[in-house]
Amino acid sequence: MVETFGEGAFDGFLTLNQEPWTHLREVGLLIWASTEHENLYCWQTDDSTDPDRWSVAIRTFDDEVVPFDCSAAEFICRILLDPHHPFTMAGYFDTHWFMNYRESE
């Protein structure tokens, strides 16, 4: 996603990491994004599985881990469009945008 969108945030809310954060790797989570509400969007790592097949888990601000059986791209689509998703952004915005943090080259 970073290769496609660059460094930035969806709706100024969900910030994509330029490089995954590894400080939760020992508990099987690799952080690929975060929110202003301190939720961490992670892949559930598994050394026996192709990383392209890792599913998503959310590490909430109160340290709860909420798993989702989908890819990161599918997860983002769901939270942007599904008003009933538990981590939805659909109820807050009528349209969505990506704010690129890099200056134009």
C-alpha atoms as a PDB file:
ATOM      1  CA  MET A   1       0.000   0.000   0.000  1.00  0.00           C
ATOM      2  CA  VAL A   2       2.839   2.395   0.769  1.00  0.00           C
ATOM      3  CA  GLU A   3       4.251   1.782  -2.713  1.00  0.00           C
ATOM      4  CA  THR A   4       0.859   2.706  -4.198  1.00  0.00           C
ATOM      5  CA  PHE A   5      -0.219   5.570  -1.941  1.00  0.00           C
ATOM      6  CA  GLY A   6       3.033   6.738  -0.361  1.00  0.00           C
ATOM      7  CA  GLU A   7       3.469   7.813   3.212  1.00  0.00           C
ATOM      8  CA  GLY A   8       0.274   9.346   4.527  1.00  0.00           C
ATOM      9  CA  ALA A   9      -3.172   8.751   5.975  1.00  0.00           C
ATOM     10  CA  PHE A  10      -6.646   7.738   4.839  1.00  0.00           C
ATOM     11  CA  ASP A  11      -9.129  10.467   5.800  1.00  0.00           C
ATOM     12  CA  GLY A  12      -6.384  12.084   7.876  1.00  0.00           C
ATOM     13  CA  PHE A  13      -7.086   9.331  10.433  1.00  0.00           C
ATOM     14  CA  LEU A  14      -5.499   5.989   9.486  1.00  0.00           C
ATOM     15  CA  THR A  15      -1.764   6.536   9.043  1.00  0.00           C
ATOM     16  CA  LEU A  16       0.183   4.034   6.943  1.00  0.00           C
ATOM     17  CA  ASN A  17       3.650   3.298   8.265  1.00  0.00           C
ATOM     18  CA  GLN A  18       6.492   3.772   5.811  1.00  0.00           C
ATOM     19  CA  GLU A  19       8.115   0.671   7.321  1.00  0.00           C
ATOM     20  CA  PRO A  20       6.317  -1.827   9.593  1.00  0.00           C
ATOM     21  CA  TRP A  21       6.881  -1.283  13.298  1.00  0.00           C
ATOM     22  CA  THR A  22       8.332  -4.384  14.914  1.00  0.00           C
ATOM     23  CA  HIS A  23       8.024  -3.667  18.648  1.00  0.00           C
ATOM     24  CA  LEU A  24       5.126  -6.179  19.009  1.00  0.00           C
ATOM     25  CA  ARG A  25       6.780  -8.867  16.861  1.00  0.00           C
ATOM     26  CA  GLU A  26       7.427 -11.059  19.920  1.00  0.00           C
ATOM     27  CA  VAL A  27       3.648 -11.435  20.355  1.00  0.00           C
ATOM     28  CA  GLY A  28       3.121 -12.209  16.659  1.00  0.00           C
ATOM     29  CA  LEU A  29       2.046  -8.744  15.489  1.00  0.00           C
ATOM     30  CA  LEU A  30       3.684  -6.519  12.883  1.00  0.00           C
ATOM     31  CA  ILE A  31       2.236  -2.996  12.845  1.00  0.00           C
ATOM     32  CA  TRP A  32       1.459  -1.510   9.416  1.00  0.00           C
ATOM     33  CA  ALA A  33      -0.728   1.455  10.442  1.00  0.00           C
ATOM     34  CA  SER A  34      -2.098   3.381  13.399  1.00  0.00           C
ATOM     35  CA  THR A  35      -4.883   5.811  14.229  1.00  0.00           C
ATOM     36  CA  GLU A  36      -5.199   8.997  16.216  1.00  0.00           C
ATOM     37  CA  HIS A  37      -7.134   6.902  18.778  1.00  0.00           C
ATOM     38  CA  GLU A  38      -3.977   4.864  19.431  1.00  0.00           C
ATOM     39  CA  ASN A  39      -5.260   1.700  17.743  1.00  0.00           C
ATOM     40  CA  LEU A  40      -2.502  -0.264  16.020  1.00  0.00           C
ATOM     41  CA  TYR A  41      -3.352  -2.024  12.754  1.00  0.00           C
ATOM     42  CA  CYS A  42      -1.247  -5.165  12.505  1.00  0.00           C
ATOM     43  CA  TRP A  43      -0.591  -8.296  10.532  1.00  0.00           C
ATOM     44  CA  GLN A  44      -0.801 -11.507  12.517  1.00  0.00           C
ATOM     45  CA  THR A  45       2.574 -12.966  11.644  1.00  0.00           C
ATOM     46  CA  ASP A  46       3.164 -16.651  11.081  1.00  0.00           C
ATOM     47  CA  ASP A  47       6.558 -17.905   9.913  1.00  0.00           C
ATOM     48  CA  SER A  48       4.912 -20.908   8.217  1.00  0.00           C
ATOM     49  CA  THR A  49       2.619 -18.734   6.082  1.00  0.00           C
ATOM     50  CA  ASP A  50       3.394 -16.517   3.107  1.00  0.00           C
ATOM     51  CA  PRO A  51       3.387 -12.888   4.401  1.00  0.00           C
ATOM     52  CA  ASP A  52       0.984 -11.956   1.590  1.00  0.00           C
ATOM     53  CA  ARG A  53      -1.562 -14.212   3.335  1.00  0.00           C
ATOM     54  CA  TRP A  54      -1.183 -12.788   6.852  1.00  0.00           C
ATOM     55  CA  SER A  55      -4.493 -11.616   8.268  1.00  0.00           C
ATOM     56  CA  VAL A  56      -5.179  -8.386  10.116  1.00  0.00           C
ATOM     57  CA  ALA A  57      -5.534  -7.800  13.833  1.00  0.00           C
ATOM     58  CA  ILE A  58      -6.184  -4.565  15.680  1.00  0.00           C
ATOM     59  CA  ARG A  59      -4.337  -3.877  18.919  1.00  0.00           C
ATOM     60  CA  THR A  60      -6.650  -1.419  20.637  1.00  0.00           C
ATOM     61  CA  PHE A  61      -5.557   1.414  22.918  1.00  0.00           C
ATOM     62  CA  ASP A  62      -6.484  -0.791  25.903  1.00  0.00           C
ATOM     63  CA  ASP A  63      -4.303  -3.710  24.602  1.00  0.00           C
ATOM     64  CA  GLU A  64      -7.154  -5.896  23.340  1.00  0.00           C
ATOM     65  CA  VAL A  65      -6.278  -7.806  20.143  1.00  0.00           C
ATOM     66  CA  VAL A  66      -9.198  -8.042  17.692  1.00  0.00           C
ATOM     67  CA  PRO A  67      -8.562 -10.442  14.759  1.00  0.00           C
ATOM     68  CA  PHE A  68     -10.021 -10.107  11.243  1.00  0.00           C
ATOM     69  CA  ASP A  69      -9.755 -12.815   8.616  1.00  0.00           C
ATOM     70  CA  CYS A  70      -8.799 -10.588   5.679  1.00  0.00           C
ATOM     71  CA  SER A  71      -5.886  -8.795   4.046  1.00  0.00           C
ATOM     72  CA  ALA A  72      -4.860  -5.243   4.919  1.00  0.00           C
ATOM     73  CA  ALA A  73      -6.277  -3.893   1.636  1.00  0.00           C
ATOM     74  CA  GLU A  74      -9.616  -5.624   2.202  1.00  0.00           C
ATOM     75  CA  PHE A  75      -9.687  -4.401   5.794  1.00  0.00           C
ATOM     76  CA  ILE A  76      -9.177  -0.783   4.701  1.00  0.00           C
ATOM     77  CA  CYS A  77     -11.958  -1.101   2.114  1.00  0.00           C
ATOM     78  CA  ARG A  78     -14.280  -2.471   4.785  1.00  0.00           C
ATOM     79  CA  ILE A  79     -13.621   0.261   7.334  1.00  0.00           C
ATOM     80  CA  LEU A  80     -13.970   2.970   4.683  1.00  0.00           C
ATOM     81  CA  LEU A  81     -17.240   1.659   3.232  1.00  0.00           C
ATOM     82  CA  ASP A  82     -19.071  -0.518   5.781  1.00  0.00           C
ATOM     83  CA  PRO A  83     -20.913   1.589   8.371  1.00  0.00           C
ATOM     84  CA  HIS A  84     -21.471  -1.536  10.516  1.00  0.00           C
ATOM     85  CA  HIS A  85     -17.806  -2.567  10.789  1.00  0.00           C
ATOM     86  CA  PRO A  86     -16.594  -2.278  14.411  1.00  0.00           C
ATOM     87  CA  PHE A  87     -13.718   0.019  13.343  1.00  0.00           C
ATOM     88  CA  THR A  88     -15.650   1.896  10.645  1.00  0.00           C
ATOM     89  CA  MET A  89     -14.738   5.287   9.286  1.00  0.00           C
ATOM     90  CA  ALA A  90     -17.793   5.230   6.984  1.00  0.00           C
ATOM     91  CA  GLY A  91     -20.020   6.945   9.514  1.00  0.00           C
ATOM     92  CA  TYR A  92     -17.694   9.916   9.880  1.00  0.00           C
ATOM     93  CA  PHE A  93     -17.038  10.835   6.248  1.00  0.00           C
ATOM     94  CA  ASP A  94     -19.243  11.015   3.144  1.00  0.00           C
ATOM     95  CA  THR A  95     -16.210  10.817   0.859  1.00  0.00           C
ATOM     96  CA  HIS A  96     -12.741   9.461   1.497  1.00  0.00           C
ATOM     97  CA  TRP A  97      -9.312  10.755   0.623  1.00  0.00           C
ATOM     98  CA  PHE A  98      -5.659   9.926   1.070  1.00  0.00           C
ATOM     99  CA  MET A  99      -3.426  12.627   2.484  1.00  0.00           C
ATOM    100  CA  ASN A 100       0.117  12.140   1.206  1.00  0.00           C
ATOM    101  CA  TYR A 101       2.742  13.336   3.707  1.00  0.00           C
ATOM    102  CA  ARG A 102       5.527  13.596   1.116  1.00  0.00           C
ATOM    103  CA  GLU A 103       6.108  16.737  -0.834  1.00  0.00           C
ATOM    104  CA  SER A 104       5.647  16.451  -4.595  1.00  0.00           C
ATOM    105  CA  GLU A 105       8.885  15.653  -6.348  1.00  0.00           C
END
